[in-house]
């Protein structure tokens, strides 16, 4: 069974929106993993599109999100 996950890389225009976004992403129980890259003003997250897309849209509407990329991530669980 393959789980449908994507890696999202979000870049922010300023540190304030970046840290608020990271707090929101880290608090989402459906997000499999996330990391904060403060110097690059970037957050990376691993989540199903059904979870991440509404979250990314909300972050965009709140302001400060400068760029977002999405990359497919597939894996097969160990038997």
N, C-alpha and C. Protein backbone atom coordinates (compact mmCIF):
# COMPACT_ATOMS: atom_id res chain seq x y z
N UNK A 1 0.85 -1.19 0.00
CA UNK A 1 0.00 0.00 0.00
C UNK A 1 0.89 1.25 0.00
N UNK A 2 0.63 2.17 -0.89
CA UNK A 2 1.38 3.42 -0.98
C UNK A 2 0.53 4.55 -0.46
N UNK A 3 1.12 5.36 0.38
CA UNK A 3 0.42 6.53 0.91
C UNK A 3 0.78 7.73 0.06
N UNK A 4 -0.23 8.51 -0.31
CA UNK A 4 -0.04 9.68 -1.17
C UNK A 4 0.44 10.86 -0.33
N UNK A 5 1.72 11.18 -0.44
CA UNK A 5 2.30 12.32 0.29
C UNK A 5 3.01 13.23 -0.69
N UNK A 6 3.10 14.50 -0.31
CA UNK A 6 3.87 15.47 -1.07
C UNK A 6 4.78 16.24 -0.12
N UNK A 7 5.91 16.64 -0.66
CA UNK A 7 6.81 17.54 0.06
C UNK A 7 6.48 18.94 -0.42
N UNK A 8 6.20 19.82 0.52
CA UNK A 8 5.91 21.23 0.22
C UNK A 8 7.07 22.06 0.76
N UNK A 9 7.58 22.95 -0.08
CA UNK A 9 8.60 23.90 0.35
C UNK A 9 7.99 25.29 0.24
N UNK A 10 7.88 25.95 1.36
CA UNK A 10 7.26 27.27 1.44
C UNK A 10 8.33 28.30 1.81
N UNK A 11 8.43 29.35 1.03
CA UNK A 11 9.38 30.43 1.32
C UNK A 11 8.58 31.68 1.67
N UNK A 12 9.01 32.39 2.69
CA UNK A 12 8.29 33.55 3.20
C UNK A 12 9.10 34.82 3.02
N UNK A 13 8.38 35.93 2.91
CA UNK A 13 9.00 37.23 2.69
C UNK A 13 9.66 37.78 3.95
N UNK A 14 9.19 37.36 5.12
CA UNK A 14 9.71 37.89 6.38
C UNK A 14 9.65 36.80 7.46
N UNK A 15 10.38 37.01 8.52
CA UNK A 15 10.47 36.02 9.60
C UNK A 15 9.16 35.89 10.38
N UNK A 16 8.43 36.98 10.58
CA UNK A 16 7.18 36.93 11.35
C UNK A 16 6.17 35.94 10.76
N UNK A 17 5.82 36.09 9.49
CA UNK A 17 4.90 35.12 8.88
C UNK A 17 5.48 33.70 8.85
N UNK A 18 6.80 33.59 8.70
CA UNK A 18 7.45 32.28 8.70
C UNK A 18 7.22 31.55 10.02
N UNK A 19 7.49 32.21 11.13
CA UNK A 19 7.35 31.54 12.42
C UNK A 19 5.89 31.25 12.76
N UNK A 20 4.98 32.13 12.38
CA UNK A 20 3.55 31.86 12.59
C UNK A 20 3.10 30.66 11.76
N UNK A 21 3.58 30.58 10.53
CA UNK A 21 3.23 29.45 9.66
C UNK A 21 3.79 28.15 10.23
N UNK A 22 5.03 28.18 10.70
CA UNK A 22 5.63 26.97 11.27
C UNK A 22 4.84 26.49 12.48
N UNK A 23 4.44 27.40 13.34
CA UNK A 23 3.64 27.02 14.51
C UNK A 23 2.33 26.34 14.09
N UNK A 24 1.69 26.89 13.08
CA UNK A 24 0.43 26.32 12.60
C UNK A 24 0.65 24.95 11.97
N UNK A 25 1.69 24.82 11.15
CA UNK A 25 1.99 23.56 10.49
C UNK A 25 2.37 22.48 11.51
N UNK A 26 3.23 22.84 12.46
CA UNK A 26 3.67 21.87 13.47
C UNK A 26 2.52 21.40 14.34
N UNK A 27 1.49 22.21 14.51
CA UNK A 27 0.35 21.85 15.35
C UNK A 27 -0.68 21.00 14.60
N UNK A 28 -0.55 20.87 13.29
CA UNK A 28 -1.50 20.09 12.50
C UNK A 28 -1.17 18.60 12.64
N UNK A 29 -2.06 17.82 13.25
CA UNK A 29 -1.74 16.41 13.50
C UNK A 29 -1.61 15.57 12.23
N UNK A 30 -2.19 16.01 11.12
CA UNK A 30 -2.14 15.24 9.89
C UNK A 30 -0.84 15.44 9.10
N UNK A 31 -0.04 16.43 9.49
CA UNK A 31 1.24 16.70 8.83
C UNK A 31 2.25 15.66 9.34
N UNK A 32 2.83 14.90 8.40
CA UNK A 32 3.74 13.81 8.79
C UNK A 32 5.06 14.33 9.35
N UNK A 33 5.56 15.44 8.81
CA UNK A 33 6.85 15.98 9.24
C UNK A 33 6.96 17.43 8.76
N UNK A 34 7.74 18.23 9.50
CA UNK A 34 8.01 19.60 9.05
C UNK A 34 9.34 20.06 9.62
N UNK A 35 9.96 21.01 8.92
CA UNK A 35 11.22 21.58 9.38
C UNK A 35 11.24 23.07 9.07
N UNK A 36 11.96 23.80 9.88
CA UNK A 36 12.10 25.25 9.76
C UNK A 36 13.53 25.58 9.38
N UNK A 37 13.71 26.38 8.34
CA UNK A 37 15.02 26.87 7.92
C UNK A 37 14.99 28.39 8.05
N UNK A 38 15.36 28.87 9.21
CA UNK A 38 15.19 30.28 9.55
C UNK A 38 15.98 31.20 8.61
N UNK A 39 17.24 30.90 8.36
CA UNK A 39 18.07 31.78 7.53
C UNK A 39 17.51 31.93 6.11
N UNK A 40 16.92 30.85 5.58
CA UNK A 40 16.36 30.89 4.23
C UNK A 40 14.89 31.30 4.23
N UNK A 41 14.33 31.51 5.43
CA UNK A 41 12.90 31.84 5.60
C UNK A 41 12.04 30.80 4.89
N UNK A 42 12.33 29.52 5.19
CA UNK A 42 11.67 28.43 4.49
C UNK A 42 11.16 27.38 5.48
N UNK A 43 9.99 26.83 5.15
CA UNK A 43 9.42 25.70 5.88
C UNK A 43 9.24 24.57 4.88
N UNK A 44 9.61 23.37 5.28
CA UNK A 44 9.35 22.17 4.48
C UNK A 44 8.38 21.31 5.27
N UNK A 45 7.40 20.75 4.56
CA UNK A 45 6.47 19.87 5.24
C UNK A 45 6.13 18.68 4.36
N UNK A 46 5.79 17.59 5.00
CA UNK A 46 5.41 16.35 4.33
C UNK A 46 4.00 16.02 4.79
N UNK A 47 3.08 15.99 3.81
CA UNK A 47 1.67 15.77 4.16
C UNK A 47 0.89 15.32 2.93
N UNK A 48 -0.26 14.69 3.15
CA UNK A 48 -1.13 14.39 2.02
C UNK A 48 -1.67 15.69 1.42
N UNK A 49 -1.88 15.76 0.11
CA UNK A 49 -2.40 16.98 -0.51
C UNK A 49 -3.72 17.45 0.09
N UNK A 50 -4.57 16.52 0.48
CA UNK A 50 -5.87 16.90 1.05
C UNK A 50 -5.72 17.70 2.34
N UNK A 51 -4.62 17.51 3.03
CA UNK A 51 -4.32 18.24 4.26
C UNK A 51 -3.54 19.51 3.95
N UNK A 52 -2.50 19.37 3.13
CA UNK A 52 -1.57 20.48 2.90
C UNK A 52 -2.14 21.59 2.03
N UNK A 53 -2.91 21.25 1.01
CA UNK A 53 -3.41 22.30 0.11
C UNK A 53 -4.25 23.35 0.83
N UNK A 54 -5.23 22.97 1.66
CA UNK A 54 -5.98 24.00 2.39
C UNK A 54 -5.10 24.79 3.36
N UNK A 55 -4.12 24.11 3.96
CA UNK A 55 -3.21 24.79 4.88
C UNK A 55 -2.36 25.82 4.14
N UNK A 56 -1.82 25.46 3.00
CA UNK A 56 -1.01 26.39 2.20
C UNK A 56 -1.86 27.56 1.73
N UNK A 57 -3.08 27.28 1.30
CA UNK A 57 -3.96 28.36 0.85
C UNK A 57 -4.24 29.35 1.99
N UNK A 58 -4.48 28.83 3.18
CA UNK A 58 -4.74 29.70 4.33
C UNK A 58 -3.51 30.55 4.65
N UNK A 59 -2.33 29.95 4.60
CA UNK A 59 -1.09 30.70 4.86
C UNK A 59 -0.90 31.79 3.80
N UNK A 60 -1.21 31.49 2.55
CA UNK A 60 -1.11 32.49 1.48
C UNK A 60 -2.05 33.66 1.73
N UNK A 61 -3.28 33.35 2.11
CA UNK A 61 -4.27 34.40 2.34
C UNK A 61 -3.93 35.28 3.55
N UNK A 62 -3.22 34.70 4.52
CA UNK A 62 -2.80 35.47 5.69
C UNK A 62 -1.66 36.43 5.36
N UNK A 63 -0.96 36.18 4.27
CA UNK A 63 0.11 37.07 3.83
C UNK A 63 1.48 36.60 4.24
N UNK A 64 2.46 36.97 3.43
CA UNK A 64 3.85 36.66 3.73
C UNK A 64 4.41 35.47 2.99
N UNK A 65 3.55 34.62 2.42
CA UNK A 65 4.03 33.47 1.66
C UNK A 65 4.47 33.97 0.28
N UNK A 66 5.77 33.83 -0.01
CA UNK A 66 6.32 34.34 -1.27
C UNK A 66 6.38 33.28 -2.36
N UNK A 67 6.48 32.00 -1.97
CA UNK A 67 6.68 30.96 -2.97
C UNK A 67 6.35 29.61 -2.37
N UNK A 68 5.82 28.72 -3.18
CA UNK A 68 5.50 27.36 -2.74
C UNK A 68 5.79 26.39 -3.87
N UNK A 69 6.47 25.30 -3.55
CA UNK A 69 6.64 24.22 -4.53
C UNK A 69 6.12 22.93 -3.93
N UNK A 70 5.68 22.04 -4.80
CA UNK A 70 5.11 20.76 -4.39
C UNK A 70 5.83 19.65 -5.15
N UNK A 71 6.20 18.61 -4.42
CA UNK A 71 6.94 17.49 -5.01
C UNK A 71 6.33 16.18 -4.52
N UNK A 72 6.05 15.27 -5.44
CA UNK A 72 5.50 13.97 -5.07
C UNK A 72 6.51 13.21 -4.21
N UNK A 73 6.00 12.47 -3.24
CA UNK A 73 6.83 11.67 -2.35
C UNK A 73 6.10 10.35 -2.16
N UNK A 74 6.66 9.30 -2.69
CA UNK A 74 6.04 7.99 -2.54
C UNK A 74 6.95 7.05 -1.80
N UNK A 75 6.37 6.16 -1.05
CA UNK A 75 7.16 5.17 -0.35
C UNK A 75 6.31 3.92 -0.14
N UNK A 76 7.00 2.83 0.03
CA UNK A 76 6.33 1.55 0.34
C UNK A 76 6.71 1.20 1.78
N UNK A 77 5.71 1.03 2.65
CA UNK A 77 6.01 0.64 4.03
C UNK A 77 6.68 -0.73 4.06
N UNK A 78 7.52 -0.94 5.05
CA UNK A 78 8.19 -2.22 5.23
C UNK A 78 7.16 -3.29 5.60
N UNK A 79 7.35 -4.51 5.11
CA UNK A 79 6.36 -5.57 5.42
C UNK A 79 6.36 -5.95 6.89
